[in-house]
PDB file of all heavy atoms in Angstrom:
ATOM      1  N   THR A   1       0.866  -1.178   0.000  1.00  0.00           N
ATOM      2  CA  THR A   1       0.000   0.000   0.000  1.00  0.00           C
ATOM      3  C   THR A   1       0.903   1.227   0.000  1.00  0.00           C
ATOM      4  O   THR A   1       2.112   1.138   0.250  1.00  0.00           O
ATOM      5  CB  THR A   1      -0.895   0.034   1.252  1.00  0.00           C
ATOM      6  OG1 THR A   1      -0.051   0.175   2.398  1.00  0.00           O
ATOM      7  CG2 THR A   1      -1.753  -1.220   1.360  1.00  0.00           C
ATOM      8  N   VAL A   2       0.324   2.383  -0.254  1.00  0.00           N
ATOM      9  CA  VAL A   2       1.096   3.621  -0.228  1.00  0.00           C
ATOM     10  C   VAL A   2       1.737   3.799   1.148  1.00  0.00           C
ATOM     11  O   VAL A   2       2.924   4.136   1.259  1.00  0.00           O
ATOM     12  CB  VAL A   2       0.194   4.835  -0.577  1.00  0.00           C
ATOM     13  CG1 VAL A   2       0.934   6.141  -0.365  1.00  0.00           C
ATOM     14  CG2 VAL A   2      -0.314   4.726  -2.007  1.00  0.00           C
ATOM     15  N   GLU A   3       0.964   3.523   2.192  1.00  0.00           N
ATOM     16  CA  GLU A   3       1.486   3.671   3.550  1.00  0.00           C
ATOM     17  C   GLU A   3       2.657   2.715   3.807  1.00  0.00           C
ATOM     18  O   GLU A   3       3.669   3.102   4.403  1.00  0.00           O
ATOM     19  CB  GLU A   3       0.375   3.442   4.570  1.00  0.00           C
ATOM     20  CG  GLU A   3       0.750   3.889   5.951  1.00  0.00           C
ATOM     21  CD  GLU A   3      -0.455   3.964   6.884  1.00  0.00           C
ATOM     22  OE1 GLU A   3      -1.582   3.672   6.465  1.00  0.00           O
ATOM     23  OE2 GLU A   3      -0.217   4.305   8.051  1.00  0.00           O
ATOM     24  N   GLN A   4       2.544   1.472   3.334  1.00  0.00           N
ATOM     25  CA  GLN A   4       3.642   0.517   3.506  1.00  0.00           C
ATOM     26  C   GLN A   4       4.885   0.976   2.749  1.00  0.00           C
ATOM     27  O   GLN A   4       6.008   0.849   3.234  1.00  0.00           O
ATOM     28  CB  GLN A   4       3.221  -0.872   3.031  1.00  0.00           C
ATOM     29  CG  GLN A   4       2.198  -1.544   3.919  1.00  0.00           C
ATOM     30  CD  GLN A   4       1.607  -2.789   3.274  1.00  0.00           C
ATOM     31  OE1 GLN A   4       1.471  -2.872   2.052  1.00  0.00           O
ATOM     32  NE2 GLN A   4       1.248  -3.752   4.105  1.00  0.00           N
ATOM     33  N   PHE A   5       4.671   1.516   1.549  1.00  0.00           N
ATOM     34  CA  PHE A   5       5.789   2.020   0.754  1.00  0.00           C
ATOM     35  C   PHE A   5       6.505   3.160   1.485  1.00  0.00           C
ATOM     36  O   PHE A   5       7.728   3.187   1.584  1.00  0.00           O
ATOM     37  CB  PHE A   5       5.295   2.491  -0.616  1.00  0.00           C
ATOM     38  CG  PHE A   5       6.353   3.155  -1.442  1.00  0.00           C
ATOM     39  CD1 PHE A   5       7.327   2.409  -2.083  1.00  0.00           C
ATOM     40  CD2 PHE A   5       6.377   4.542  -1.570  1.00  0.00           C
ATOM     41  CE1 PHE A   5       8.317   3.025  -2.839  1.00  0.00           C
ATOM     42  CE2 PHE A   5       7.357   5.167  -2.328  1.00  0.00           C
ATOM     43  CZ  PHE A   5       8.329   4.401  -2.961  1.00  0.00           C
ATOM     44  N   LEU A   6       5.710   4.081   2.028  1.00  0.00           N
ATOM     45  CA  LEU A   6       6.290   5.220   2.737  1.00  0.00           C
ATOM     46  C   LEU A   6       6.987   4.783   4.020  1.00  0.00           C
ATOM     47  O   LEU A   6       8.040   5.333   4.375  1.00  0.00           O
ATOM     48  CB  LEU A   6       5.212   6.268   3.019  1.00  0.00           C
ATOM     49  CG  LEU A   6       4.604   6.907   1.764  1.00  0.00           C
ATOM     50  CD1 LEU A   6       3.460   7.842   2.137  1.00  0.00           C
ATOM     51  CD2 LEU A   6       5.662   7.622   0.943  1.00  0.00           C
ATOM     52  N   ASP A   7       6.429   3.799   4.708  1.00  0.00           N
ATOM     53  CA  ASP A   7       7.101   3.242   5.886  1.00  0.00           C
ATOM     54  C   ASP A   7       8.451   2.651   5.485  1.00  0.00           C
ATOM     55  O   ASP A   7       9.440   2.776   6.215  1.00  0.00           O
ATOM     56  CB  ASP A   7       6.244   2.174   6.556  1.00  0.00           C
ATOM     57  CG  ASP A   7       5.025   2.738   7.270  1.00  0.00           C
ATOM     58  OD1 ASP A   7       4.970   3.974   7.492  1.00  0.00           O
ATOM     59  OD2 ASP A   7       4.123   1.944   7.608  1.00  0.00           O
ATOM     60  N   GLY A   8       8.488   2.016   4.326  1.00  0.00           N
ATOM     61  CA  GLY A   8       9.744   1.468   3.815  1.00  0.00           C
ATOM     62  C   GLY A   8      10.764   2.556   3.527  1.00  0.00           C
ATOM     63  O   GLY A   8      11.956   2.392   3.801  1.00  0.00           O
ATOM     64  N   LEU A   9      10.293   3.681   2.980  1.00  0.00           N
ATOM     65  CA  LEU A   9      11.200   4.804   2.752  1.00  0.00           C
ATOM     66  C   LEU A   9      11.782   5.308   4.067  1.00  0.00           C
ATOM     67  O   LEU A   9      12.977   5.594   4.166  1.00  0.00           O
ATOM     68  CB  LEU A   9      10.467   5.958   2.052  1.00  0.00           C
ATOM     69  CG  LEU A   9      10.265   5.869   0.552  1.00  0.00           C
ATOM     70  CD1 LEU A   9       9.575   7.138   0.038  1.00  0.00           C
ATOM     71  CD2 LEU A   9      11.569   5.644  -0.184  1.00  0.00           C
ATOM     72  N   ASP A  10      10.920   5.407   5.076  1.00  0.00           N
ATOM     73  CA  ASP A  10      11.398   5.846   6.392  1.00  0.00           C
ATOM     74  C   ASP A  10      12.436   4.881   6.955  1.00  0.00           C
ATOM     75  O   ASP A  10      13.449   5.303   7.521  1.00  0.00           O
ATOM     76  CB  ASP A  10      10.231   5.997   7.371  1.00  0.00           C
ATOM     77  CG  ASP A  10       9.434   7.265   7.150  1.00  0.00           C
ATOM     78  OD1 ASP A  10      10.016   8.269   6.682  1.00  0.00           O
ATOM     79  OD2 ASP A  10       8.220   7.254   7.450  1.00  0.00           O
ATOM     80  N   THR A  11      12.205   3.603   6.798  1.00  0.00           N
ATOM     81  CA  THR A  11      13.158   2.602   7.282  1.00  0.00           C
ATOM     82  C   THR A  11      14.492   2.725   6.557  1.00  0.00           C
ATOM     83  O   THR A  11      15.556   2.694   7.186  1.00  0.00           O
ATOM     84  CB  THR A  11      12.582   1.178   7.102  1.00  0.00           C
ATOM     85  OG1 THR A  11      11.368   1.088   7.840  1.00  0.00           O
ATOM     86  CG2 THR A  11      13.559   0.111   7.568  1.00  0.00           C
ATOM     87  N   LEU A  12      14.423   2.891   5.242  1.00  0.00           N
ATOM     88  CA  LEU A  12      15.660   3.077   4.472  1.00  0.00           C
ATOM     89  C   LEU A  12      16.394   4.336   4.915  1.00  0.00           C
ATOM     90  O   LEU A  12      17.619   4.342   5.048  1.00  0.00           O
ATOM     91  CB  LEU A  12      15.356   3.147   2.973  1.00  0.00           C
ATOM     92  CG  LEU A  12      14.973   1.847   2.293  1.00  0.00           C
ATOM     93  CD1 LEU A  12      14.531   2.103   0.861  1.00  0.00           C
ATOM     94  CD2 LEU A  12      16.143   0.873   2.317  1.00  0.00           C
ATOM     95  N   ALA A  13      15.640   5.416   5.127  1.00  0.00           N
ATOM     96  CA  ALA A  13      16.256   6.677   5.565  1.00  0.00           C
ATOM     97  C   ALA A  13      16.994   6.487   6.884  1.00  0.00           C
ATOM     98  O   ALA A  13      18.114   6.985   7.059  1.00  0.00           O
ATOM     99  CB  ALA A  13      15.187   7.756   5.693  1.00  0.00           C
ATOM    100  N   GLU A  14      16.356   5.757   7.808  1.00  0.00           N
ATOM    101  CA  GLU A  14      16.993   5.503   9.106  1.00  0.00           C
ATOM    102  C   GLU A  14      18.209   4.596   8.965  1.00  0.00           C
ATOM    103  O   GLU A  14      19.270   4.860   9.542  1.00  0.00           O
ATOM    104  CB  GLU A  14      15.987   4.878  10.073  1.00  0.00           C
ATOM    105  CG  GLU A  14      14.886   5.820  10.515  1.00  0.00           C
ATOM    106  CD  GLU A  14      13.774   5.106  11.285  1.00  0.00           C
ATOM    107  OE1 GLU A  14      14.002   3.965  11.748  1.00  0.00           O
ATOM    108  OE2 GLU A  14      12.700   5.695  11.408  1.00  0.00           O
ATOM    109  N   ASP A  15      18.048   3.521   8.192  1.00  0.00           N
ATOM    110  CA  ASP A  15      19.132   2.547   8.057  1.00  0.00           C
ATOM    111  C   ASP A  15      20.367   3.136   7.385  1.00  0.00           C
ATOM    112  O   ASP A  15      21.495   2.786   7.729  1.00  0.00           O
ATOM    113  CB  ASP A  15      18.663   1.320   7.270  1.00  0.00           C
ATOM    114  CG  ASP A  15      17.671   0.460   8.051  1.00  0.00           C
ATOM    115  OD1 ASP A  15      17.516   0.699   9.272  1.00  0.00           O
ATOM    116  OD2 ASP A  15      17.056  -0.432   7.434  1.00  0.00           O
ATOM    117  N   PHE A  16      20.149   4.035   6.410  1.00  0.00           N
ATOM    118  CA  PHE A  16      21.270   4.569   5.641  1.00  0.00           C
ATOM    119  C   PHE A  16      21.581   6.034   5.953  1.00  0.00           C
ATOM    120  O   PHE A  16      22.444   6.633   5.321  1.00  0.00           O
ATOM    121  CB  PHE A  16      21.014   4.385   4.140  1.00  0.00           C
ATOM    122  CG  PHE A  16      21.009   2.937   3.736  1.00  0.00           C
ATOM    123  CD1 PHE A  16      19.822   2.249   3.550  1.00  0.00           C
ATOM    124  CD2 PHE A  16      22.203   2.240   3.574  1.00  0.00           C
ATOM    125  CE1 PHE A  16      19.816   0.904   3.194  1.00  0.00           C
ATOM    126  CE2 PHE A  16      22.206   0.908   3.219  1.00  0.00           C
ATOM    127  CZ  PHE A  16      21.004   0.230   3.031  1.00  0.00           C
ATOM    128  N   GLY A  17      20.841   6.597   6.893  1.00  0.00           N
ATOM    129  CA  GLY A  17      21.106   7.972   7.298  1.00  0.00           C
ATOM    130  C   GLY A  17      20.862   8.983   6.193  1.00  0.00           C
ATOM    131  O   GLY A  17      21.626   9.938   6.043  1.00  0.00           O
ATOM    132  N   VAL A  18      19.788   8.790   5.415  1.00  0.00           N
ATOM    133  CA  VAL A  18      19.478   9.690   4.307  1.00  0.00           C
ATOM    134  C   VAL A  18      18.229  10.490   4.669  1.00  0.00           C
ATOM    135  O   VAL A  18      17.099  10.045   4.471  1.00  0.00           O
ATOM    136  CB  VAL A  18      19.265   8.901   2.985  1.00  0.00           C
ATOM    137  CG1 VAL A  18      18.989   9.850   1.830  1.00  0.00           C
ATOM    138  CG2 VAL A  18      20.457   8.016   2.689  1.00  0.00           C
ATOM    139  N   GLU A  19      18.450  11.693   5.192  1.00  0.00           N
ATOM    140  CA  GLU A  19      17.350  12.532   5.665  1.00  0.00           C
ATOM    141  C   GLU A  19      16.390  12.913   4.537  1.00  0.00           C
ATOM    142  O   GLU A  19      15.192  13.086   4.759  1.00  0.00           O
ATOM    143  CB  GLU A  19      17.899  13.790   6.335  1.00  0.00           C
ATOM    144  CG  GLU A  19      16.856  14.700   6.929  1.00  0.00           C
ATOM    145  CD  GLU A  19      15.939  14.008   7.939  1.00  0.00           C
ATOM    146  OE1 GLU A  19      16.398  13.119   8.674  1.00  0.00           O
ATOM    147  OE2 GLU A  19      14.736  14.351   7.985  1.00  0.00           O
ATOM    148  N   GLU A  20      16.908  13.014   3.319  1.00  0.00           N
ATOM    149  CA  GLU A  20      16.052  13.395   2.180  1.00  0.00           C
ATOM    150  C   GLU A  20      14.902  12.397   1.984  1.00  0.00           C
ATOM    151  O   GLU A  20      13.810  12.789   1.586  1.00  0.00           O
ATOM    152  CB  GLU A  20      16.877  13.509   0.883  1.00  0.00           C
ATOM    153  CG  GLU A  20      17.864  14.645   0.872  1.00  0.00           C
ATOM    154  CD  GLU A  20      19.189  14.284   1.558  1.00  0.00           C
ATOM    155  OE1 GLU A  20      19.424  13.090   1.876  1.00  0.00           O
ATOM    156  OE2 GLU A  20      19.978  15.213   1.787  1.00  0.00           O
ATOM    157  N   LEU A  21      15.153  11.129   2.251  1.00  0.00           N
ATOM    158  CA  LEU A  21      14.089  10.124   2.117  1.00  0.00           C
ATOM    159  C   LEU A  21      12.989  10.366   3.143  1.00  0.00           C
ATOM    160  O   LEU A  21      11.807  10.196   2.851  1.00  0.00           O
ATOM    161  CB  LEU A  21      14.654   8.704   2.262  1.00  0.00           C
ATOM    162  CG  LEU A  21      15.456   8.159   1.095  1.00  0.00           C
ATOM    163  CD1 LEU A  21      15.983   6.763   1.420  1.00  0.00           C
ATOM    164  CD2 LEU A  21      14.629   8.136  -0.174  1.00  0.00           C
ATOM    165  N   HIS A  22      13.357  10.755   4.358  1.00  0.00           N
ATOM    166  CA  HIS A  22      12.356  11.119   5.366  1.00  0.00           C
ATOM    167  C   HIS A  22      11.506  12.282   4.864  1.00  0.00           C
ATOM    168  O   HIS A  22      10.284  12.274   5.015  1.00  0.00           O
ATOM    169  CB  HIS A  22      13.019  11.527   6.693  1.00  0.00           C
ATOM    170  CG  HIS A  22      13.261  10.400   7.637  1.00  0.00           C
ATOM    171  ND1 HIS A  22      12.272   9.571   8.092  1.00  0.00           N
ATOM    172  CD2 HIS A  22      14.408   9.983   8.235  1.00  0.00           C
ATOM    173  CE1 HIS A  22      12.785   8.683   8.919  1.00  0.00           C
ATOM    174  NE2 HIS A  22      14.089   8.906   9.020  1.00  0.00           N
ATOM    175  N   GLN A  23      12.155  13.259   4.273  1.00  0.00           N
ATOM    176  CA  GLN A  23      11.442  14.434   3.773  1.00  0.00           C
ATOM    177  C   GLN A  23      10.464  14.042   2.667  1.00  0.00           C
ATOM    178  O   GLN A  23       9.322  14.494   2.649  1.00  0.00           O
ATOM    179  CB  GLN A  23      12.428  15.493   3.276  1.00  0.00           C
ATOM    180  CG  GLN A  23      13.246  16.116   4.387  1.00  0.00           C
ATOM    181  CD  GLN A  23      14.396  16.961   3.867  1.00  0.00           C
ATOM    182  OE1 GLN A  23      14.719  16.930   2.685  1.00  0.00           O
ATOM    183  NE2 GLN A  23      15.038  17.708   4.764  1.00  0.00           N
ATOM    184  N   VAL A  24      10.918  13.196   1.753  1.00  0.00           N
ATOM    185  CA  VAL A  24      10.050  12.734   0.665  1.00  0.00           C
ATOM    186  C   VAL A  24       8.853  11.975   1.231  1.00  0.00           C
ATOM    187  O   VAL A  24       7.706  12.200   0.833  1.00  0.00           O
ATOM    188  CB  VAL A  24      10.834  11.857  -0.344  1.00  0.00           C
ATOM    189  CG1 VAL A  24       9.901  11.159  -1.319  1.00  0.00           C
ATOM    190  CG2 VAL A  24      11.865  12.693  -1.089  1.00  0.00           C
ATOM    191  N   ALA A  25       9.116  11.076   2.179  1.00  0.00           N
ATOM    192  CA  ALA A  25       8.029  10.298   2.776  1.00  0.00           C
ATOM    193  C   ALA A  25       7.039  11.209   3.485  1.00  0.00           C
ATOM    194  O   ALA A  25       5.814  11.032   3.359  1.00  0.00           O
ATOM    195  CB  ALA A  25       8.595   9.261   3.749  1.00  0.00           C
ATOM    196  N   THR A  26       7.541  12.209   4.198  1.00  0.00           N
ATOM    197  CA  THR A  26       6.662  13.145   4.909  1.00  0.00           C
ATOM    198  C   THR A  26       5.809  13.933   3.921  1.00  0.00           C
ATOM    199  O   THR A  26       4.592  14.080   4.113  1.00  0.00           O
ATOM    200  CB  THR A  26       7.504  14.106   5.780  1.00  0.00           C
ATOM    201  OG1 THR A  26       8.236  13.326   6.723  1.00  0.00           O
ATOM    202  CG2 THR A  26       6.618  15.093   6.513  1.00  0.00           C
ATOM    203  N   GLU A  27       6.397  14.426   2.859  1.00  0.00           N
ATOM    204  CA  GLU A  27       5.651  15.186   1.850  1.00  0.00           C
ATOM    205  C   GLU A  27       4.587  14.311   1.179  1.00  0.00           C
ATOM    206  O   GLU A  27       3.462  14.758   0.968  1.00  0.00           O
ATOM    207  CB  GLU A  27       6.614  15.742   0.791  1.00  0.00           C
ATOM    208  CG  GLU A  27       7.510  16.864   1.302  1.00  0.00           C
ATOM    209  CD  GLU A  27       8.591  17.250   0.308  1.00  0.00           C
ATOM    210  OE1 GLU A  27       8.535  16.814  -0.865  1.00  0.00           O
ATOM    211  OE2 GLU A  27       9.510  17.991   0.709  1.00  0.00           O
ATOM    212  N   MET A  28       4.954  13.084   0.870  1.00  0.00           N
ATOM    213  CA  MET A  28       3.986  12.187   0.211  1.00  0.00           C
ATOM    214  C   MET A  28       2.833  11.855   1.154  1.00  0.00           C
ATOM    215  O   MET A  28       1.687  11.774   0.723  1.00  0.00           O
ATOM    216  CB  MET A  28       4.688  10.914  -0.280  1.00  0.00           C
ATOM    217  CG  MET A  28       5.622  11.171  -1.462  1.00  0.00           C
ATOM    218  SD  MET A  28       6.417   9.665  -2.042  1.00  0.00           S
ATOM    219  CE  MET A  28       5.074   8.866  -2.879  1.00  0.00           C
ATOM    220  N   ARG A  29       3.126  11.672   2.432  1.00  0.00           N
ATOM    221  CA  ARG A  29       2.051  11.417   3.406  1.00  0.00           C
ATOM    222  C   ARG A  29       1.082  12.599   3.455  1.00  0.00           C
ATOM    223  O   ARG A  29      -0.134  12.399   3.513  1.00  0.00           O
ATOM    224  CB  ARG A  29       2.629  11.149   4.796  1.00  0.00           C
ATOM    225  CG  ARG A  29       3.119   9.743   5.000  1.00  0.00           C
ATOM    226  CD  ARG A  29       3.460   9.474   6.479  1.00  0.00           C
ATOM    227  NE  ARG A  29       3.819   8.090   6.648  1.00  0.00           N
ATOM    228  CZ  ARG A  29       5.040   7.598   6.486  1.00  0.00           C
ATOM    229  NH1 ARG A  29       6.018   8.413   6.173  1.00  0.00           N
ATOM    230  NH2 ARG A  29       5.273   6.321   6.646  1.00  0.00           N
ATOM    231  N   GLN A  30       1.616  13.791   3.423  1.00  0.00           N
ATOM    232  CA  GLN A  30       0.779  14.985   3.439  1.00  0.00           C
ATOM    233  C   GLN A  30      -0.107  15.048   2.184  1.00  0.00           C
ATOM    234  O   GLN A  30      -1.300  15.327   2.263  1.00  0.00           O
ATOM    235  CB  GLN A  30       1.610  16.257   3.578  1.00  0.00           C
ATOM    236  CG  GLN A  30       2.242  16.396   4.944  1.00  0.00           C
ATOM    237  CD  GLN A  30       3.272  17.528   5.014  1.00  0.00           C
ATOM    238  OE1 GLN A  30       3.694  18.066   4.000  1.00  0.00           O
ATOM    239  NE2 GLN A  30       3.684  17.852   6.239  1.00  0.00           N
ATOM    240  N   GLU A  31       0.501  14.754   1.048  1.00  0.00           N
ATOM    241  CA  GLU A  31      -0.245  14.766  -0.220  1.00  0.00           C
ATOM    242  C   GLU A  31      -1.348  13.706  -0.224  1.00  0.00           C
ATOM    243  O   GLU A  31      -2.418  13.928  -0.772  1.00  0.00           O
ATOM    244  CB  GLU A  31       0.702  14.536  -1.404  1.00  0.00           C
ATOM    245  CG  GLU A  31       1.621  15.689  -1.685  1.00  0.00           C
ATOM    246  CD  GLU A  31       2.626  15.357  -2.765  1.00  0.00           C
ATOM    247  OE1 GLU A  31       2.472  14.322  -3.465  1.00  0.00           O
ATOM    248  OE2 GLU A  31       3.605  16.112  -2.920  1.00  0.00           O
ATOM    249  N   GLU A  32      -1.058  12.547   0.360  1.00  0.00           N
ATOM    250  CA  GLU A  32      -2.020  11.439   0.395  1.00  0.00           C
ATOM    251  C   GLU A  32      -3.016  11.562   1.548  1.00  0.00           C
ATOM    252  O   GLU A  32      -3.965  10.780   1.630  1.00  0.00           O
ATOM    253  CB  GLU A  32      -1.280  10.093   0.506  1.00  0.00           C
ATOM    254  CG  GLU A  32      -0.433   9.747  -0.696  1.00  0.00           C
ATOM    255  CD  GLU A  32      -1.265   9.405  -1.916  1.00  0.00           C
ATOM    256  OE1 GLU A  32      -2.361   8.820  -1.767  1.00  0.00           O
ATOM    257  OE2 GLU A  32      -0.820   9.735  -3.024  1.00  0.00           O
TER     258      GLU A  32
END
C-alpha cells in the first residue's frame, strides 16, 4: 500500500542515514 511504501522509505532513511528520504516520505504522506 502507499502507507507501507512510505514506511519502507522511512526505514531506508533511518538505516542509511538519508534525511532526504524522510522528507520525501513526509511530503507524500501529506499529499495522500
